[in-house]
Amino acid sequence: MSLTERWIPASCLGLVALTAVLTPSTAQACDPSADECLADLELVTVEAIPIDGALVWRTVYADAPSTYFSAASIEAATTVVVTPMGGGPEVPGTVVAVESLRAIVWRPAAPLPADSLFEATVTVDNAALMCVSDVPKPLEKVFTVGSSAKTTAPLVVPELTGEAAVTVLPQIDFETLVCCDGAFPTETFVDNCGISIEWAQGTCAWRDGLGRLDATLSLDPEAVGMVHGQVGYVFESSGGTFAFPPGADQVAAQSFVSMCGQVKAIQLATGEELLGPEVCVGEELEAMLGDQVVDPAPALAGCAEQPYTCLVTSDLVPREWDPAACTPWPEGTEPTTGAETGEGSDSESGGEPTTTAASETGGDSEGASDSATAGSDTGKDGCACAADPGASGWGVLALLLPWLGRRRRG
């Protein structure tokens, strides 16, 4: 019989009201550590750089979900040796790690010779980082780079635009559940990382949702292309800080409020910064963000019997629903008894969280559809706060249904 779980990382419990997503998952070992191992480096400044420009690399992690970048650690572990092609003394310069952009920058100590070729050898001592992945230690890469006769252009901030939609996520809370067909949620511990809410049969749906803004932020691609990777951009907004890696003109962003702020341009060769005008993304969707009321009826349409809610047995973890303290849902309705439903039932509910396009002006009650669940297994990434929604077939313990009906009639 399949089992449905909702997994909550212990390190994220304080953020659960903002990041909750119902997720069937298997109980796996939880490793909350962040891996700093660099598997590769991508040269951003592939074209000839200005004589007063810099060489810029984008970091590629061995652990793709890793979110940890320490500028001090990367600078201490990285050396860059630049020499003229054909021989000559090393070109003096400084290694700088730009944390907001996750970039490694080599800044020459003096203007470079014009129209020249150089060999740049980059060595990253992974052994000096928090590194447990199977990667070269040290990682060494050799690049051929060139200079032009130009100097860097004055720093400007390109225009930012955004396309936004709203996704309604289920709120994680015992008191927001509505269930049917013998589903009685309980909490269990998942390794040392957190807790889950699970039930062995039946269907449950959520009555409260959380509206999330999903946006695609774009910079003027022509303006970004003209700086040839010499400038990085960061959008510092009320909804969070979102970085455009060097050379990128588009990023995905998520927030639970509208995003109003300014784009900061960073000249990588000098560290000079410039702020652009204020711009807002998603203001017209503000009423659909944050706490939302979700109609669970669509997710419970296939129930064989009357849905119900139950009291929680205790305020201490692990908590569970009390089968002896249930009332029919919606309130004031009478219990009903339907045909018993087995594993082969064609009643299903599930799917992705409800997404509302930016052009729409109201919410969508079908946000409950991904909250109704019965359990296929999906994986989870370590102790991350985010999880992917999912649902599949039903599991019903038929022997409980007559008893459940008697409890309701009582």
Protein backbone atom coordinates (compact mmCIF):
# COMPACT_ATOMS: atom_id res chain seq x y z
CA MET A 1 0.00 0.00 0.00
CA SER A 2 1.35 3.41 -0.92
CA LEU A 3 2.21 5.99 1.67
CA THR A 4 2.02 9.76 1.46
CA GLU A 5 4.49 11.98 3.27
CA ARG A 6 5.03 15.66 3.68
CA TRP A 7 8.67 16.30 4.60
CA ILE A 8 9.74 19.37 6.61
CA PRO A 9 13.50 19.92 7.07
CA ALA A 10 14.39 20.76 10.66
CA SER A 11 16.68 23.57 9.54
CA CYS A 12 13.76 25.18 7.68
CA LEU A 13 11.00 24.94 10.31
CA GLY A 14 11.20 28.66 11.00
CA LEU A 15 10.46 29.33 7.31
CA VAL A 16 7.74 26.77 6.85
CA ALA A 17 4.98 29.36 6.46
CA LEU A 18 6.79 30.75 3.43
CA THR A 19 8.13 27.67 1.70
CA ALA A 20 5.57 24.93 2.32
CA VAL A 21 4.83 22.50 -0.48
CA LEU A 22 3.04 19.18 -0.13
CA THR A 23 5.42 16.49 -1.34
CA PRO A 24 5.17 12.72 -1.36
CA SER A 25 8.68 11.50 -0.57
CA THR A 26 10.61 8.62 0.85
CA ALA A 27 12.46 8.89 4.13
CA GLN A 28 16.08 9.30 3.12
CA ALA A 29 19.24 10.31 4.94
CA CYS A 30 19.43 14.07 5.37
CA ASP A 31 22.74 15.81 4.80
CA PRO A 32 22.36 19.54 5.54
CA SER A 33 25.97 20.34 4.62
CA ALA A 34 26.88 22.59 1.70
CA ASP A 35 29.56 21.33 -0.66
CA GLU A 36 32.00 23.97 -1.96
CA CYS A 37 33.68 21.62 -4.45
CA LEU A 38 34.28 23.21 -7.85
CA ALA A 39 33.98 20.76 -10.72
CA ASP A 40 34.77 23.26 -13.48
CA LEU A 41 35.22 26.91 -14.42
CA GLU A 42 33.53 28.63 -17.36
CA LEU A 43 35.37 31.58 -18.92
CA VAL A 44 32.88 34.42 -19.36
CA THR A 45 35.24 36.89 -21.03
CA VAL A 46 35.84 34.78 -24.12
CA GLU A 47 36.26 37.81 -26.39
CA ALA A 48 39.28 40.10 -26.32
CA ILE A 49 39.12 42.12 -23.12
CA PRO A 50 39.83 45.86 -22.83
CA ILE A 51 43.36 46.74 -21.80
CA ASP A 52 41.99 47.85 -18.41
CA GLY A 53 39.52 44.96 -18.21
CA ALA A 54 39.44 41.75 -16.17
CA LEU A 55 39.22 38.01 -16.75
CA VAL A 56 36.01 36.54 -15.38
CA TRP A 57 35.05 32.92 -14.65
CA ARG A 58 31.71 31.46 -13.60
CA THR A 59 31.96 28.69 -10.98
CA VAL A 60 30.51 25.25 -11.74
CA TYR A 61 29.78 23.16 -8.65
CA ALA A 62 30.11 19.40 -8.28
CA ASP A 63 27.02 19.46 -6.07
CA ALA A 64 24.55 21.22 -8.36
CA PRO A 65 22.03 22.22 -5.62
CA SER A 66 24.83 23.78 -3.56
CA THR A 67 24.07 27.35 -2.56
CA TYR A 68 27.26 28.07 -0.65
CA PHE A 69 29.84 30.52 -1.99
CA SER A 70 32.32 32.09 0.41
CA ALA A 71 34.35 34.87 -1.22
CA ALA A 72 37.09 34.60 1.41
CA SER A 73 37.39 30.81 0.97
CA ILE A 74 37.44 30.97 -2.84
CA GLU A 75 40.03 33.75 -2.89
CA ALA A 76 42.29 31.85 -0.49
CA ALA A 77 42.01 28.64 -2.52
CA THR A 78 42.45 30.15 -6.01
CA THR A 79 45.56 31.24 -7.88
CA VAL A 80 45.65 32.72 -11.40
CA VAL A 81 48.91 32.90 -13.39
CA VAL A 82 48.79 34.98 -16.59
CA THR A 83 51.78 34.93 -18.97
CA PRO A 84 52.26 36.27 -22.52
CA MET A 85 51.95 33.67 -25.27
CA GLY A 86 55.39 32.88 -26.63
CA GLY A 87 57.11 33.58 -23.33
CA GLY A 88 57.71 36.45 -20.99
CA PRO A 89 57.33 37.33 -17.31
CA GLU A 90 54.10 36.71 -15.41
CA VAL A 91 51.59 39.55 -15.66
CA PRO A 92 50.88 40.79 -12.12
CA GLY A 93 47.28 40.79 -10.97
CA THR A 94 44.85 40.07 -8.12
CA VAL A 95 42.23 37.34 -7.65
CA VAL A 96 38.86 38.56 -6.38
CA ALA A 97 35.76 36.46 -5.69
CA VAL A 98 32.46 38.32 -6.15
CA GLU A 99 30.02 36.59 -3.82
CA SER A 100 26.79 38.12 -5.16
CA LEU A 101 27.62 36.91 -8.70
CA ARG A 102 29.45 33.68 -7.82
CA ALA A 103 32.28 34.78 -10.05
CA ILE A 104 36.07 34.56 -9.88
CA VAL A 105 37.77 37.67 -11.27
CA TRP A 106 41.42 38.32 -12.13
CA ARG A 107 42.25 42.03 -12.17
CA PRO A 108 45.56 43.09 -13.80
CA ALA A 109 47.71 45.41 -11.69
CA ALA A 110 48.35 47.66 -14.72
CA PRO A 111 46.82 48.06 -18.20
CA LEU A 112 47.55 45.09 -20.46
CA PRO A 113 49.51 45.36 -23.72
CA ALA A 114 47.04 45.97 -26.55
CA ASP A 115 46.16 43.28 -29.10
CA SER A 116 48.10 40.54 -27.30
CA LEU A 117 47.50 36.88 -26.43
CA PHE A 118 47.99 35.39 -22.99
CA GLU A 119 47.81 32.04 -21.28
CA ALA A 120 45.86 32.02 -18.01
CA THR A 121 46.30 29.06 -15.66
CA VAL A 122 43.69 28.87 -12.90
CA THR A 123 44.20 26.54 -9.94
CA VAL A 124 41.52 25.97 -7.29
CA ASP A 125 42.60 23.96 -4.25
CA ASN A 126 39.40 22.03 -3.55
CA ALA A 127 41.12 20.37 -0.60
CA ALA A 128 41.17 23.76 1.14
CA LEU A 129 37.39 24.14 0.73
CA MET A 130 34.50 22.31 2.37
CA CYS A 131 34.72 19.64 -0.30
CA VAL A 132 33.56 16.02 -0.09
CA SER A 133 32.63 15.36 -3.73
CA ASP A 134 34.79 13.36 -6.09
CA VAL A 135 36.49 16.18 -8.00
CA PRO A 136 40.10 16.99 -8.92
CA LYS A 137 42.03 18.31 -5.92
CA PRO A 138 43.40 20.69 -7.03
CA LEU A 139 41.32 21.68 -10.06
CA GLU A 140 43.52 23.21 -12.76
CA LYS A 141 42.33 24.83 -16.00
CA VAL A 142 44.31 26.58 -18.75
CA PHE A 143 42.73 29.24 -20.97
CA THR A 144 43.95 31.28 -23.92
CA VAL A 145 42.79 34.88 -23.68
CA GLY A 146 43.43 38.07 -25.60
CA SER A 147 43.38 41.82 -25.18
CA SER A 148 42.04 44.49 -27.50
CA ALA A 149 43.14 48.10 -27.94
CA LYS A 150 39.94 49.40 -26.30
CA THR A 151 39.29 50.57 -22.77
CA THR A 152 36.23 49.69 -20.70
CA ALA A 153 33.06 51.64 -21.46
CA PRO A 154 31.46 53.88 -18.82
CA LEU A 155 29.29 51.94 -16.39
CA VAL A 156 25.55 52.02 -17.18
CA VAL A 157 22.52 50.15 -15.82
CA PRO A 158 20.37 48.40 -18.46
CA GLU A 159 16.59 48.45 -18.26
CA LEU A 160 14.97 45.59 -16.32
CA THR A 161 11.58 44.10 -17.24
CA GLY A 162 9.68 41.19 -15.73
CA GLU A 163 6.97 38.70 -16.62
CA ALA A 164 5.13 37.31 -13.61
CA ALA A 165 2.53 34.72 -12.64
CA VAL A 166 1.15 33.46 -9.32
CA THR A 167 1.46 29.88 -8.10
CA VAL A 168 -0.75 28.85 -5.17
CA LEU A 169 1.10 26.45 -2.86
CA PRO A 170 -0.58 24.46 -0.07
CA GLN A 171 0.04 25.71 3.45
CA ILE A 172 1.65 23.12 5.72
CA ASP A 173 -0.49 22.96 8.85
CA PHE A 174 -2.32 20.10 10.58
CA GLU A 175 -5.38 22.29 11.10
CA THR A 176 -5.82 23.08 7.39
CA LEU A 177 -6.39 19.47 6.29
CA VAL A 178 -9.66 17.97 5.08
CA CYS A 179 -9.59 14.19 4.53
CA CYS A 180 -11.83 11.30 3.50
CA ASP A 181 -11.98 7.52 3.15
CA GLY A 182 -10.02 6.57 6.24
CA ALA A 183 -7.15 9.05 6.01
CA PHE A 184 -5.90 10.04 9.49
CA PRO A 185 -2.68 12.06 9.19
CA THR A 186 0.13 11.51 11.67
CA GLU A 187 3.55 13.10 12.16
CA THR A 188 6.74 11.05 12.07
CA PHE A 189 10.40 11.92 12.34
CA VAL A 190 12.50 11.71 9.15
CA ASP A 191 16.04 10.74 10.10
CA ASN A 192 17.63 13.69 11.91
CA CYS A 193 16.43 16.30 9.48
CA GLY A 194 12.78 16.99 10.15
CA ILE A 195 9.25 15.62 10.38
CA SER A 196 6.64 14.45 7.90
CA ILE A 197 2.85 14.24 7.86
CA GLU A 198 1.61 11.04 6.30
CA TRP A 199 -1.44 8.83 5.89
CA ALA A 200 -1.72 5.27 4.61
CA GLN A 201 -5.01 5.44 2.68
CA GLY A 202 -7.68 7.86 1.60
CA THR A 203 -7.24 11.43 0.39
CA CYS A 204 -6.42 14.74 2.06
CA ALA A 205 -6.54 18.31 0.75
CA TRP A 206 -5.54 21.71 2.10
CA ARG A 207 -7.86 24.63 2.88
CA ASP A 208 -5.19 27.31 3.11
CA GLY A 209 -2.78 28.28 0.36
CA LEU A 210 0.15 30.60 -0.14
CA GLY A 211 0.41 32.72 -3.27
CA ARG A 212 3.94 32.82 -4.69
CA LEU A 213 5.15 35.20 -7.38
CA ASP A 214 7.07 33.41 -10.12
CA ALA A 215 8.86 35.91 -12.33
CA THR A 216 11.29 35.97 -15.21
CA LEU A 217 13.54 39.00 -14.89
CA SER A 218 15.18 40.28 -18.06
CA LEU A 219 17.82 42.91 -18.80
CA ASP A 220 18.21 44.59 -22.16
CA PRO A 221 20.20 41.87 -24.00
CA GLU A 222 21.91 44.35 -26.32
CA ALA A 223 23.23 46.37 -23.37
CA VAL A 224 24.44 43.23 -21.59
CA GLY A 225 26.16 41.94 -24.71
CA MET A 226 28.04 45.21 -25.28
CA VAL A 227 30.02 44.87 -22.03
CA HIS A 228 31.43 41.44 -23.01
CA GLY A 229 31.16 39.96 -19.52
CA GLN A 230 32.98 42.87 -17.84
CA VAL A 231 29.91 43.89 -15.80
CA GLY A 232 27.67 41.91 -13.46
CA TYR A 233 24.15 42.88 -12.40
CA VAL A 234 22.14 42.34 -9.21
CA PHE A 235 18.45 43.22 -8.70
CA GLU A 236 18.07 44.24 -5.05
CA SER A 237 14.33 44.25 -4.33
CA SER A 238 11.72 44.02 -1.60
CA GLY A 239 11.15 40.41 -2.69
CA GLY A 240 14.80 39.39 -2.44
CA THR A 241 18.15 39.83 -4.17
CA PHE A 242 18.54 38.21 -7.58
CA ALA A 243 21.87 38.06 -9.41
CA PHE A 244 22.50 37.93 -13.13
CA PRO A 245 25.70 35.90 -13.62
CA PRO A 246 28.26 37.68 -15.81
CA GLY A 247 27.09 37.49 -19.40
CA ALA A 248 23.48 36.52 -18.50
CA ASP A 249 20.52 38.77 -19.34
CA GLN A 250 17.71 36.68 -17.81
CA VAL A 251 17.07 34.95 -14.47
CA ALA A 252 14.13 33.25 -12.74
CA ALA A 253 12.96 34.73 -9.44
CA GLN A 254 10.41 33.74 -6.79
CA SER A 255 8.93 35.78 -3.98
CA PHE A 256 5.87 35.95 -1.72
CA VAL A 257 5.57 39.71 -2.21
CA SER A 258 5.88 41.94 -5.23
CA MET A 259 9.42 42.91 -6.20
CA CYS A 260 10.31 46.60 -6.12
CA GLY A 261 13.93 47.67 -6.15
CA GLN A 262 16.94 48.74 -8.16
CA VAL A 263 19.43 47.04 -10.45
CA LYS A 264 23.04 47.39 -9.33
CA ALA A 265 25.73 47.23 -12.01
CA ILE A 266 29.19 46.08 -10.88
CA GLN A 267 32.29 46.86 -12.96
CA LEU A 268 34.29 43.68 -12.36
CA ALA A 269 37.69 45.15 -13.26
CA THR A 270 37.47 47.88 -10.61
CA GLY A 271 34.59 47.00 -8.26
CA GLU A 272 32.79 50.25 -9.16
CA GLU A 273 29.01 50.06 -8.59
CA LEU A 274 26.09 52.00 -10.03
CA LEU A 275 22.38 51.85 -9.09
CA GLY A 276 19.59 52.21 -11.65
CA PRO A 277 16.08 53.64 -11.21
CA GLU A 278 13.46 51.83 -9.13
CA VAL A 279 11.43 49.23 -10.98
CA CYS A 280 8.58 46.97 -9.78
CA VAL A 281 7.55 43.49 -10.91
CA GLY A 282 4.24 41.86 -9.90
CA GLU A 283 2.60 44.86 -8.21
CA GLU A 284 -0.69 44.15 -10.00
CA LEU A 285 -0.71 40.65 -8.46
CA GLU A 286 -0.15 41.77 -4.86
CA ALA A 287 -3.65 40.74 -3.69
CA MET A 288 -3.03 37.17 -4.86
CA LEU A 289 0.23 36.78 -2.92
CA GLY A 290 0.70 35.47 0.61
CA ASP A 291 -2.10 33.79 2.57
CA GLN A 292 -4.98 32.59 0.41
CA VAL A 293 -8.18 30.62 1.03
CA VAL A 294 -8.24 27.46 -1.10
CA ASP A 295 -11.33 25.40 -1.89
CA PRO A 296 -10.44 21.73 -1.25
CA ALA A 297 -13.65 20.44 -2.91
CA PRO A 298 -12.11 19.75 -6.36
CA ALA A 299 -9.39 17.60 -4.79
CA LEU A 300 -11.99 15.69 -2.75
CA ALA A 301 -14.47 15.16 -5.59
CA GLY A 302 -13.59 11.46 -5.87
CA CYS A 303 -14.14 10.64 -2.18
CA ALA A 304 -16.28 7.55 -1.57
CA GLU A 305 -17.57 8.97 1.72
CA GLN A 306 -18.20 12.34 3.33
CA PRO A 307 -14.95 14.31 3.96
CA TYR A 308 -14.14 15.22 7.55
CA THR A 309 -11.81 17.10 9.83
CA CYS A 310 -10.44 15.87 13.17
CA LEU A 311 -8.89 17.36 16.26
CA VAL A 312 -5.16 16.96 16.91
CA THR A 313 -4.34 14.69 19.85
CA SER A 314 -1.47 16.79 21.22
CA ASP A 315 0.54 19.96 20.71
CA LEU A 316 3.78 17.98 20.99
CA VAL A 317 5.53 16.26 18.08
CA PRO A 318 4.72 13.66 16.92
CA ARG A 319 1.11 14.77 16.64
CA GLU A 320 -1.77 12.94 14.96
CA TRP A 321 -5.44 13.28 14.15
CA ASP A 322 -7.82 11.80 16.71
CA PRO A 323 -10.25 9.40 14.91
CA ALA A 324 -12.64 9.75 17.86
CA ALA A 325 -12.93 13.52 17.45
CA CYS A 326 -13.99 14.07 13.84
CA THR A 327 -16.74 16.17 12.28
CA PRO A 328 -18.11 16.09 8.71
CA TRP A 329 -16.90 18.70 6.22
CA PRO A 330 -18.28 21.13 5.17
CA GLU A 331 -19.61 22.00 8.61
CA GLY A 332 -23.30 21.33 9.02
CA THR A 333 -23.45 18.53 6.42
CA GLU A 334 -24.56 15.00 7.22
CA PRO A 335 -22.19 12.01 6.88
CA THR A 336 -22.68 9.92 3.74
CA THR A 337 -21.53 6.42 2.88
CA GLY A 338 -20.42 5.59 -0.64
CA ALA A 339 -19.01 2.55 -2.41
CA GLU A 340 -15.73 1.22 -1.06
CA THR A 341 -12.76 2.29 -3.13
CA GLY A 342 -9.72 0.11 -3.63
CA GLU A 343 -6.29 0.53 -5.19
CA GLY A 344 -7.87 0.16 -8.61
CA SER A 345 -10.14 3.20 -8.21
CA ASP A 346 -10.17 5.59 -11.14
CA SER A 347 -10.71 8.53 -8.77
CA GLU A 348 -7.58 10.61 -8.75
CA SER A 349 -6.51 14.05 -7.71
CA GLY A 350 -3.17 15.72 -8.04
CA GLY A 351 -0.95 17.65 -10.36
CA GLU A 352 1.13 20.79 -10.21
CA PRO A 353 0.40 23.79 -7.98
CA THR A 354 -2.12 26.19 -9.45
CA THR A 355 -0.48 28.85 -11.62
CA THR A 356 -2.31 32.08 -12.46
CA ALA A 357 -1.02 34.14 -15.38
CA ALA A 358 -0.16 37.77 -14.82
CA SER A 359 -3.08 38.84 -16.97
CA GLU A 360 -5.59 37.26 -14.59
CA THR A 361 -7.05 39.34 -11.77
CA GLY A 362 -8.43 36.72 -9.40
CA GLY A 363 -7.34 33.61 -7.55
CA ASP A 364 -7.94 30.02 -8.63
CA SER A 365 -9.70 27.59 -6.32
CA GLU A 366 -8.08 24.69 -8.11
CA GLY A 367 -4.96 25.38 -6.10
CA ALA A 368 -6.20 22.55 -3.87
CA SER A 369 -5.75 19.99 -6.60
CA ASP A 370 -2.11 19.34 -5.83
CA SER A 371 -2.90 19.12 -2.11
CA ALA A 372 -5.08 16.04 -2.43
CA THR A 373 -2.71 13.15 -2.40
CA ALA A 374 -1.96 9.52 -2.15
CA GLY A 375 1.52 8.41 -2.43
CA SER A 376 3.98 7.82 -5.15
CA ASP A 377 7.55 8.44 -4.04
CA THR A 378 9.66 11.36 -5.12
CA GLY A 379 13.17 12.27 -4.06
CA LYS A 380 14.33 15.27 -2.06
CA ASP A 381 17.56 17.21 -2.23
CA GLY A 382 19.33 17.03 1.11
CA CYS A 383 17.87 19.48 3.61
CA ALA A 384 16.66 22.08 1.18
CA CYS A 385 13.59 24.09 2.04
CA ALA A 386 11.98 23.69 -1.37
CA ALA A 387 10.38 20.52 -2.75
CA ASP A 388 8.61 19.49 -5.91
CA PRO A 389 4.81 18.88 -5.75
CA GLY A 390 3.40 15.52 -6.79
CA ALA A 391 0.56 13.08 -6.31
CA SER A 392 -0.77 9.79 -7.67
CA GLY A 393 -3.17 6.87 -6.99
CA TRP A 394 -5.20 6.07 -3.89
CA GLY A 395 -4.80 3.55 -1.13
CA VAL A 396 -7.94 2.67 0.87
CA LEU A 397 -8.23 0.27 3.78
CA ALA A 398 -11.76 -1.04 3.21
CA LEU A 399 -12.17 -2.45 6.71
CA LEU A 400 -11.96 1.05 8.19
CA LEU A 401 -14.70 2.54 6.07
CA PRO A 402 -17.77 0.97 7.79
CA TRP A 403 -16.22 1.83 11.17
CA LEU A 404 -15.56 5.36 9.99
CA GLY A 405 -19.15 5.72 8.91
CA ARG A 406 -20.36 4.59 12.36
CA ARG A 407 -18.02 7.12 14.02
CA ARG A 408 -19.49 9.92 11.94
CA ARG A 409 -23.08 8.90 12.60
CA GLY A 410 -22.26 8.84 16.33
